Amino acid sequence: MEFADYLQIQNLLHRYAHLMDQADFDGVGQLFAHADVYMPGDAGDFFKDAAGLANLWRKWNRVYADTGTLRTRHITTNLILEADGPHRAKGQCYVLVVQATPSFPLQPVIAGTYQDTFEKVDGTWRFAERRETFKNFELVGDLSAHLALEYKVPG
């Protein structure tokens, strides 16, 4: 894998974080338009379409009217990438979501891992698969200001 490939893939991960923080759910959905996406939780939700994912994130997340954002920062770190042929790569990175609102002091609200598969099509890298994992839901804080739905941690 060339360094330019690594940078393109890293840019996908960072673009996802920025789009989520801006509550651009349609933009996030487009990032995964060609991907199988597996969400955590009891339902074991699986998505393969941009509109379905956008609607899921729109339903789950609390958007603040004064900013039009989630008032979050999705921080992705510790990226490990491994080539899986000339046009595929597997990667994983940590995600830490922090949030602050006028009535909710700055704090981490959840941490986990993104496990991704990427594919290169016509010279451009894109997501082929994403699995969001929050191992045993050990690193979950107060999600009340983040989620629009009540969420019960499994277990």
N, C-alpha and C. Protein backbone atom coordinates (compact mmCIF):
# COMPACT_ATOMS: atom_id res chain seq x y z
N MET A 1 0.85 -1.17 0.00
CA MET A 1 0.00 0.00 0.00
C MET A 1 0.89 1.24 0.00
N GLU A 2 0.61 2.13 -0.90
CA GLU A 2 1.36 3.38 -1.00
C GLU A 2 0.91 4.34 0.09
N PHE A 3 1.80 5.28 0.42
CA PHE A 3 1.47 6.28 1.43
C PHE A 3 0.24 7.09 1.03
N ALA A 4 0.11 7.39 -0.26
CA ALA A 4 -1.06 8.15 -0.74
C ALA A 4 -2.36 7.38 -0.48
N ASP A 5 -2.31 6.04 -0.58
CA ASP A 5 -3.48 5.22 -0.28
C ASP A 5 -3.86 5.36 1.20
N TYR A 6 -2.85 5.28 2.05
CA TYR A 6 -3.07 5.43 3.49
C TYR A 6 -3.74 6.76 3.78
N LEU A 7 -3.25 7.83 3.17
CA LEU A 7 -3.81 9.16 3.41
C LEU A 7 -5.25 9.26 2.92
N GLN A 8 -5.56 8.65 1.78
CA GLN A 8 -6.93 8.69 1.28
C GLN A 8 -7.89 7.96 2.22
N ILE A 9 -7.44 6.83 2.74
CA ILE A 9 -8.28 6.08 3.67
C ILE A 9 -8.44 6.84 4.98
N GLN A 10 -7.35 7.38 5.47
CA GLN A 10 -7.41 8.18 6.70
C GLN A 10 -8.37 9.36 6.52
N ASN A 11 -8.35 9.97 5.35
CA ASN A 11 -9.25 11.08 5.06
C ASN A 11 -10.72 10.64 5.11
N LEU A 12 -11.02 9.43 4.66
CA LEU A 12 -12.38 8.92 4.77
C LEU A 12 -12.84 8.87 6.23
N LEU A 13 -11.97 8.36 7.10
CA LEU A 13 -12.30 8.26 8.52
C LEU A 13 -12.53 9.64 9.13
N HIS A 14 -11.68 10.58 8.78
CA HIS A 14 -11.82 11.94 9.33
C HIS A 14 -13.04 12.64 8.74
N ARG A 15 -13.33 12.41 7.47
CA ARG A 15 -14.51 13.02 6.85
C ARG A 15 -15.78 12.52 7.55
N TYR A 16 -15.82 11.22 7.85
CA TYR A 16 -16.96 10.67 8.58
C TYR A 16 -17.15 11.42 9.90
N ALA A 17 -16.08 11.58 10.66
CA ALA A 17 -16.18 12.25 11.96
C ALA A 17 -16.71 13.68 11.81
N HIS A 18 -16.17 14.41 10.85
CA HIS A 18 -16.62 15.79 10.64
C HIS A 18 -18.09 15.85 10.22
N LEU A 19 -18.49 14.98 9.31
CA LEU A 19 -19.88 14.98 8.86
C LEU A 19 -20.84 14.62 9.99
N MET A 20 -20.47 13.65 10.83
CA MET A 20 -21.31 13.31 11.97
C MET A 20 -21.44 14.49 12.92
N ASP A 21 -20.33 15.12 13.25
CA ASP A 21 -20.38 16.25 14.18
C ASP A 21 -21.22 17.39 13.64
N GLN A 22 -21.25 17.54 12.33
CA GLN A 22 -22.05 18.60 11.70
C GLN A 22 -23.51 18.17 11.48
N ALA A 23 -23.85 16.95 11.86
CA ALA A 23 -25.19 16.38 11.66
C ALA A 23 -25.56 16.32 10.18
N ASP A 24 -24.57 16.11 9.34
CA ASP A 24 -24.81 15.94 7.90
C ASP A 24 -25.01 14.45 7.63
N PHE A 25 -26.18 13.96 8.00
CA PHE A 25 -26.45 12.53 7.93
C PHE A 25 -26.53 12.03 6.50
N ASP A 26 -27.01 12.87 5.59
CA ASP A 26 -27.03 12.47 4.18
C ASP A 26 -25.60 12.31 3.66
N GLY A 27 -24.71 13.21 4.06
CA GLY A 27 -23.30 13.11 3.67
C GLY A 27 -22.65 11.86 4.23
N VAL A 28 -22.97 11.55 5.49
CA VAL A 28 -22.44 10.33 6.10
C VAL A 28 -22.97 9.11 5.36
N GLY A 29 -24.25 9.12 5.05
CA GLY A 29 -24.83 8.00 4.31
C GLY A 29 -24.14 7.78 2.98
N GLN A 30 -23.80 8.88 2.29
CA GLN A 30 -23.12 8.76 1.00
C GLN A 30 -21.73 8.14 1.14
N LEU A 31 -21.05 8.40 2.27
CA LEU A 31 -19.75 7.76 2.48
C LEU A 31 -19.87 6.24 2.49
N PHE A 32 -21.02 5.74 2.93
CA PHE A 32 -21.23 4.30 3.06
C PHE A 32 -22.18 3.75 1.99
N ALA A 33 -22.33 4.48 0.89
CA ALA A 33 -23.29 4.10 -0.16
C ALA A 33 -22.99 2.73 -0.76
N HIS A 34 -21.74 2.29 -0.71
CA HIS A 34 -21.35 1.00 -1.30
C HIS A 34 -20.90 0.00 -0.23
N ALA A 35 -21.26 0.28 1.01
CA ALA A 35 -20.74 -0.52 2.12
C ALA A 35 -21.84 -1.29 2.84
N ASP A 36 -21.44 -2.41 3.44
CA ASP A 36 -22.27 -3.11 4.41
C ASP A 36 -21.92 -2.50 5.76
N VAL A 37 -22.92 -2.03 6.49
CA VAL A 37 -22.68 -1.37 7.77
C VAL A 37 -23.44 -2.14 8.85
N TYR A 38 -22.71 -2.56 9.87
CA TYR A 38 -23.27 -3.30 10.99
C TYR A 38 -23.21 -2.41 12.23
N MET A 39 -24.37 -2.20 12.85
CA MET A 39 -24.46 -1.34 14.02
C MET A 39 -24.53 -2.20 15.28
N PRO A 40 -24.04 -1.69 16.40
CA PRO A 40 -24.07 -2.47 17.64
C PRO A 40 -25.46 -2.47 18.26
N GLY A 41 -25.63 -3.37 19.22
CA GLY A 41 -26.88 -3.39 19.97
C GLY A 41 -27.63 -4.69 19.78
N ASP A 42 -28.72 -4.78 20.49
CA ASP A 42 -29.52 -6.00 20.48
C ASP A 42 -30.08 -6.33 19.11
N ALA A 43 -30.45 -5.30 18.35
CA ALA A 43 -31.08 -5.53 17.05
C ALA A 43 -30.09 -6.04 16.02
N GLY A 44 -28.80 -5.78 16.23
CA GLY A 44 -27.80 -6.20 15.25
C GLY A 44 -28.08 -5.61 13.89
N ASP A 45 -28.47 -4.33 13.88
CA ASP A 45 -28.88 -3.68 12.64
C ASP A 45 -27.81 -3.76 11.56
N PHE A 46 -28.26 -4.01 10.33
CA PHE A 46 -27.41 -4.11 9.16
C PHE A 46 -28.01 -3.22 8.08
N PHE A 47 -27.15 -2.42 7.44
CA PHE A 47 -27.62 -1.50 6.41
C PHE A 47 -26.72 -1.60 5.19
N LYS A 48 -27.33 -1.38 4.03
CA LYS A 48 -26.57 -1.40 2.78
C LYS A 48 -26.99 -0.23 1.89
N ASP A 49 -27.69 0.75 2.43
CA ASP A 49 -28.09 1.86 1.57
C ASP A 49 -27.89 3.19 2.30
N ALA A 50 -27.52 4.19 1.53
CA ALA A 50 -27.19 5.51 2.08
C ALA A 50 -28.39 6.13 2.77
N ALA A 51 -29.57 6.05 2.16
CA ALA A 51 -30.76 6.68 2.75
C ALA A 51 -31.15 6.01 4.06
N GLY A 52 -31.06 4.69 4.12
CA GLY A 52 -31.38 3.97 5.35
C GLY A 52 -30.47 4.36 6.49
N LEU A 53 -29.18 4.48 6.19
CA LEU A 53 -28.23 4.90 7.22
C LEU A 53 -28.48 6.33 7.65
N ALA A 54 -28.71 7.22 6.70
CA ALA A 54 -28.98 8.62 7.03
C ALA A 54 -30.20 8.72 7.94
N ASN A 55 -31.24 7.97 7.63
CA ASN A 55 -32.45 7.99 8.45
C ASN A 55 -32.20 7.42 9.84
N LEU A 56 -31.39 6.37 9.93
CA LEU A 56 -31.05 5.80 11.24
C LEU A 56 -30.34 6.84 12.10
N TRP A 57 -29.30 7.48 11.55
CA TRP A 57 -28.56 8.47 12.33
C TRP A 57 -29.42 9.67 12.66
N ARG A 58 -30.31 10.05 11.77
CA ARG A 58 -31.22 11.17 12.03
C ARG A 58 -32.15 10.82 13.19
N LYS A 59 -32.59 9.56 13.24
CA LYS A 59 -33.49 9.11 14.30
C LYS A 59 -32.77 8.98 15.64
N TRP A 60 -31.54 8.50 15.63
CA TRP A 60 -30.80 8.23 16.86
C TRP A 60 -30.22 9.47 17.53
N ASN A 61 -29.76 10.43 16.74
CA ASN A 61 -28.96 11.53 17.28
C ASN A 61 -29.78 12.78 17.55
N ARG A 62 -29.41 13.47 18.62
CA ARG A 62 -30.04 14.73 19.00
C ARG A 62 -29.31 15.87 18.31
N VAL A 63 -30.03 16.59 17.46
CA VAL A 63 -29.47 17.75 16.77
C VAL A 63 -29.94 19.00 17.51
N TYR A 64 -29.01 19.88 17.84
CA TYR A 64 -29.32 21.09 18.59
C TYR A 64 -29.67 22.23 17.64
N ALA A 65 -30.85 22.80 17.85
CA ALA A 65 -31.39 23.81 16.93
C ALA A 65 -30.50 25.04 16.82
N ASP A 66 -29.86 25.44 17.91
CA ASP A 66 -29.06 26.67 17.88
C ASP A 66 -27.82 26.55 17.01
N THR A 67 -27.30 25.34 16.84
CA THR A 67 -26.10 25.15 16.02
C THR A 67 -26.35 24.26 14.80
N GLY A 68 -27.43 23.49 14.84
CA GLY A 68 -27.68 22.53 13.77
C GLY A 68 -26.71 21.37 13.79
N THR A 69 -26.04 21.17 14.92
CA THR A 69 -25.03 20.12 15.06
C THR A 69 -25.38 19.21 16.23
N LEU A 70 -24.55 18.20 16.43
CA LEU A 70 -24.71 17.30 17.58
C LEU A 70 -24.01 17.83 18.82
N ARG A 71 -23.23 18.91 18.66
CA ARG A 71 -22.39 19.44 19.73
C ARG A 71 -21.41 18.37 20.24
N THR A 72 -20.88 17.61 19.30
CA THR A 72 -19.94 16.53 19.61
C THR A 72 -18.66 16.71 18.82
N ARG A 73 -17.67 15.92 19.21
CA ARG A 73 -16.48 15.68 18.41
C ARG A 73 -16.26 14.18 18.41
N HIS A 74 -16.31 13.59 17.23
CA HIS A 74 -15.96 12.18 17.05
C HIS A 74 -14.46 12.15 16.76
N ILE A 75 -13.70 11.65 17.69
CA ILE A 75 -12.24 11.64 17.57
C ILE A 75 -11.79 10.23 17.22
N THR A 76 -11.17 10.07 16.05
CA THR A 76 -10.68 8.76 15.63
C THR A 76 -9.16 8.74 15.76
N THR A 77 -8.65 7.69 16.39
CA THR A 77 -7.22 7.59 16.66
C THR A 77 -6.73 6.16 16.46
N ASN A 78 -5.42 6.01 16.55
CA ASN A 78 -4.77 4.70 16.57
C ASN A 78 -5.16 3.85 15.36
N LEU A 79 -5.12 4.45 14.19
CA LEU A 79 -5.48 3.76 12.96
C LEU A 79 -4.44 2.70 12.61
N ILE A 80 -4.91 1.49 12.38
CA ILE A 80 -4.08 0.40 11.88
C ILE A 80 -4.67 -0.04 10.55
N LEU A 81 -3.86 0.00 9.50
CA LEU A 81 -4.30 -0.41 8.17
C LEU A 81 -3.43 -1.54 7.66
N GLU A 82 -4.06 -2.51 7.02
CA GLU A 82 -3.33 -3.61 6.41
C GLU A 82 -3.87 -3.83 5.01
N ALA A 83 -2.98 -3.88 4.04
CA ALA A 83 -3.39 -4.14 2.66
C ALA A 83 -3.94 -5.56 2.57
N ASP A 84 -4.97 -5.71 1.77
CA ASP A 84 -5.59 -7.00 1.52
C ASP A 84 -5.72 -7.15 0.01
N GLY A 85 -4.57 -7.05 -0.67
CA GLY A 85 -4.54 -7.02 -2.13
C GLY A 85 -4.33 -5.59 -2.59
N PRO A 86 -4.20 -5.39 -3.90
CA PRO A 86 -3.88 -4.05 -4.41
C PRO A 86 -5.04 -3.06 -4.31
N HIS A 87 -6.27 -3.56 -4.17
CA HIS A 87 -7.43 -2.67 -4.17
C HIS A 87 -8.34 -2.87 -2.97
N ARG A 88 -7.81 -3.49 -1.92
CA ARG A 88 -8.58 -3.68 -0.68
C ARG A 88 -7.67 -3.48 0.51
N ALA A 89 -8.26 -3.01 1.59
CA ALA A 89 -7.52 -2.83 2.84
C ALA A 89 -8.49 -3.03 4.00
N LYS A 90 -7.94 -3.52 5.08
CA LYS A 90 -8.70 -3.66 6.32
C LYS A 90 -8.08 -2.72 7.34
N GLY A 91 -8.93 -2.13 8.15
CA GLY A 91 -8.43 -1.20 9.14
C GLY A 91 -9.28 -1.19 10.38
N GLN A 92 -8.67 -0.69 11.43
CA GLN A 92 -9.42 -0.45 12.65
C GLN A 92 -8.86 0.79 13.32
N CYS A 93 -9.73 1.49 14.01
CA CYS A 93 -9.30 2.66 14.77
C CYS A 93 -10.21 2.81 15.97
N TYR A 94 -9.71 3.52 16.95
CA TYR A 94 -10.53 3.84 18.11
C TYR A 94 -11.38 5.06 17.79
N VAL A 95 -12.53 5.13 18.43
CA VAL A 95 -13.36 6.33 18.35
C VAL A 95 -13.72 6.74 19.77
N LEU A 96 -13.59 8.03 20.02
CA LEU A 96 -13.99 8.63 21.29
C LEU A 96 -14.92 9.78 20.94
N VAL A 97 -16.11 9.77 21.50
CA VAL A 97 -17.06 10.86 21.27
C VAL A 97 -17.14 11.70 22.53
N VAL A 98 -16.84 12.99 22.38
CA VAL A 98 -16.98 13.93 23.49
C VAL A 98 -18.11 14.89 23.13
N GLN A 99 -18.73 15.44 24.16
CA GLN A 99 -19.87 16.33 23.93
C GLN A 99 -19.96 17.38 25.02
N ALA A 100 -20.48 18.54 24.63
CA ALA A 100 -20.79 19.60 25.58
C ALA A 100 -21.98 20.39 25.03
N THR A 101 -22.88 20.75 25.93
CA THR A 101 -24.00 21.63 25.59
C THR A 101 -24.06 22.68 26.70
N PRO A 102 -24.90 23.70 26.55
CA PRO A 102 -24.99 24.69 27.63
C PRO A 102 -25.34 24.07 28.99
N SER A 103 -26.08 22.96 29.00
CA SER A 103 -26.45 22.34 30.28
C SER A 103 -25.76 21.00 30.52
N PHE A 104 -24.77 20.67 29.70
CA PHE A 104 -24.08 19.38 29.78
C PHE A 104 -22.59 19.65 29.64
N PRO A 105 -21.83 19.58 30.74
CA PRO A 105 -20.41 19.93 30.66
C PRO A 105 -19.63 18.97 29.76
N LEU A 106 -18.55 19.49 29.20
CA LEU A 106 -17.70 18.71 28.31
C LEU A 106 -17.29 17.40 28.97
N GLN A 107 -17.55 16.29 28.25
CA GLN A 107 -17.18 14.97 28.78
C GLN A 107 -17.23 13.93 27.67
N PRO A 108 -16.47 12.84 27.86
CA PRO A 108 -16.59 11.72 26.92
C PRO A 108 -17.93 11.04 27.16
N VAL A 109 -18.61 10.66 26.07
CA VAL A 109 -19.90 9.98 26.23
C VAL A 109 -19.85 8.52 25.79
N ILE A 110 -18.92 8.17 24.90
CA ILE A 110 -18.78 6.77 24.50
C ILE A 110 -17.44 6.59 23.78
N ALA A 111 -16.88 5.40 23.91
CA ALA A 111 -15.65 5.05 23.20
C ALA A 111 -15.80 3.64 22.66
N GLY A 112 -15.19 3.42 21.51
CA GLY A 112 -15.27 2.10 20.90
C GLY A 112 -14.28 1.95 19.77
N THR A 113 -14.57 1.04 18.87
CA THR A 113 -13.69 0.72 17.76
C THR A 113 -14.50 0.66 16.47
N TYR A 114 -13.94 1.23 15.42
CA TYR A 114 -14.48 1.05 14.07
C TYR A 114 -13.61 0.01 13.38
N GLN A 115 -14.23 -1.03 12.87
CA GLN A 115 -13.53 -2.04 12.08
C GLN A 115 -14.04 -1.90 10.65
N ASP A 116 -13.15 -1.53 9.75
CA ASP A 116 -13.55 -1.18 8.39
C ASP A 116 -12.82 -2.00 7.35
N THR A 117 -13.50 -2.19 6.23
CA THR A 117 -12.88 -2.70 5.02
C THR A 117 -13.06 -1.63 3.96
N PHE A 118 -11.99 -1.38 3.21
CA PHE A 118 -11.99 -0.35 2.17
C PHE A 118 -11.70 -1.01 0.84
N GLU A 119 -12.22 -0.40 -0.22
CA GLU A 119 -11.92 -0.88 -1.57
C GLU A 119 -11.59 0.32 -2.44
N LYS A 120 -10.69 0.08 -3.39
CA LYS A 120 -10.28 1.13 -4.32
C LYS A 120 -10.94 0.86 -5.67
N VAL A 121 -11.77 1.81 -6.10
CA VAL A 121 -12.52 1.69 -7.35
C VAL A 121 -12.21 2.91 -8.20
N ASP A 122 -11.75 2.68 -9.41
CA ASP A 122 -11.39 3.77 -10.33
C ASP A 122 -10.45 4.78 -9.67
N GLY A 123 -9.49 4.26 -8.90
CA GLY A 123 -8.47 5.10 -8.30
C GLY A 123 -8.86 5.80 -7.02
N THR A 124 -10.08 5.54 -6.52
CA THR A 124 -10.56 6.21 -5.31
C THR A 124 -10.95 5.18 -4.26
N TRP A 125 -10.50 5.41 -3.03
CA TRP A 125 -10.84 4.52 -1.92
C TRP A 125 -12.22 4.87 -1.39
N ARG A 126 -12.96 3.83 -0.98
CA ARG A 126 -14.27 4.02 -0.36
C ARG A 126 -14.50 2.92 0.67
N PHE A 127 -15.47 3.14 1.54
CA PHE A 127 -15.84 2.12 2.52
C PHE A 127 -16.52 0.95 1.81
N ALA A 128 -16.14 -0.27 2.19
CA ALA A 128 -16.81 -1.48 1.71
C ALA A 128 -17.57 -2.15 2.86
N GLU A 129 -17.11 -1.94 4.09
CA GLU A 129 -17.78 -2.50 5.26
C GLU A 129 -17.38 -1.70 6.49
N ARG A 130 -18.33 -1.56 7.40
CA ARG A 130 -18.05 -0.95 8.71
C ARG A 130 -18.76 -1.75 9.78
N ARG A 131 -18.02 -2.00 10.86
CA ARG A 131 -18.58 -2.60 12.07
C ARG A 131 -18.21 -1.69 13.22
N GLU A 132 -19.23 -1.14 13.86
CA GLU A 132 -19.00 -0.33 15.06
C GLU A 132 -19.09 -1.27 16.24
N THR A 133 -18.04 -1.30 17.05
CA THR A 133 -18.04 -2.18 18.21
C THR A 133 -17.74 -1.38 19.47
N PHE A 134 -18.47 -1.70 20.49
CA PHE A 134 -18.25 -1.10 21.80
C PHE A 134 -18.15 -2.27 22.77
N LYS A 135 -16.96 -2.85 22.85
CA LYS A 135 -16.71 -4.11 23.55
C LYS A 135 -17.36 -4.11 24.94
N ASN A 136 -18.33 -4.98 25.08
CA ASN A 136 -19.04 -5.16 26.34
C ASN A 136 -19.62 -3.85 26.88
N PHE A 137 -19.67 -2.82 26.05
CA PHE A 137 -20.19 -1.52 26.43
C PHE A 137 -19.56 -1.03 27.74
N GLU A 138 -18.25 -1.27 27.88
CA GLU A 138 -17.51 -0.88 29.08
C GLU A 138 -17.23 0.62 29.13
N LEU A 139 -17.12 1.25 27.98
CA LEU A 139 -16.73 2.66 27.93
C LEU A 139 -17.89 3.52 27.44
N VAL A 140 -18.98 3.48 28.19
CA VAL A 140 -20.17 4.26 27.86
C VAL A 140 -20.43 5.21 29.01
N GLY A 141 -20.56 6.48 28.67
CA GLY A 141 -20.88 7.49 29.67
C GLY A 141 -22.34 7.90 29.58
N ASP A 142 -22.59 9.14 29.90
CA ASP A 142 -23.94 9.70 29.89
C ASP A 142 -24.30 10.08 28.46
N LEU A 143 -25.18 9.31 27.84
CA LEU A 143 -25.60 9.54 26.46
C LEU A 143 -26.88 10.38 26.35
N SER A 144 -27.36 10.90 27.47
CA SER A 144 -28.65 11.59 27.47
C SER A 144 -28.68 12.84 26.61
N ALA A 145 -27.58 13.54 26.47
CA ALA A 145 -27.54 14.75 25.64
C ALA A 145 -27.17 14.42 24.19
N HIS A 146 -26.77 13.19 23.94
CA HIS A 146 -26.30 12.79 22.61
C HIS A 146 -27.37 12.08 21.80
N LEU A 147 -28.06 11.15 22.41
CA LEU A 147 -29.02 10.34 21.67
C LEU A 147 -30.43 10.90 21.79
N ALA A 148 -31.18 10.83 20.72
CA ALA A 148 -32.57 11.27 20.71
C ALA A 148 -33.50 10.19 21.25
N LEU A 149 -33.02 8.95 21.26
CA LEU A 149 -33.79 7.83 21.77
C LEU A 149 -33.20 7.37 23.09
N GLU A 150 -34.03 6.77 23.92
CA GLU A 150 -33.48 6.17 25.13
C GLU A 150 -32.69 4.94 24.73
N TYR A 151 -31.49 4.82 25.25
CA TYR A 151 -30.64 3.69 24.90
C TYR A 151 -30.25 2.95 26.15
N LYS A 152 -30.51 1.66 26.16
CA LYS A 152 -30.13 0.83 27.29
C LYS A 152 -28.91 0.03 26.89
N VAL A 153 -27.88 0.12 27.70
CA VAL A 153 -26.65 -0.62 27.45
C VAL A 153 -26.94 -2.10 27.68
N PRO A 154 -26.65 -2.96 26.68
CA PRO A 154 -26.89 -4.40 26.86
C PRO A 154 -26.12 -4.95 28.05
N GLY A 155 -26.68 -5.98 28.67
CA GLY A 155 -25.99 -6.65 29.75
C GLY A 155 -26.67 -6.46 31.00
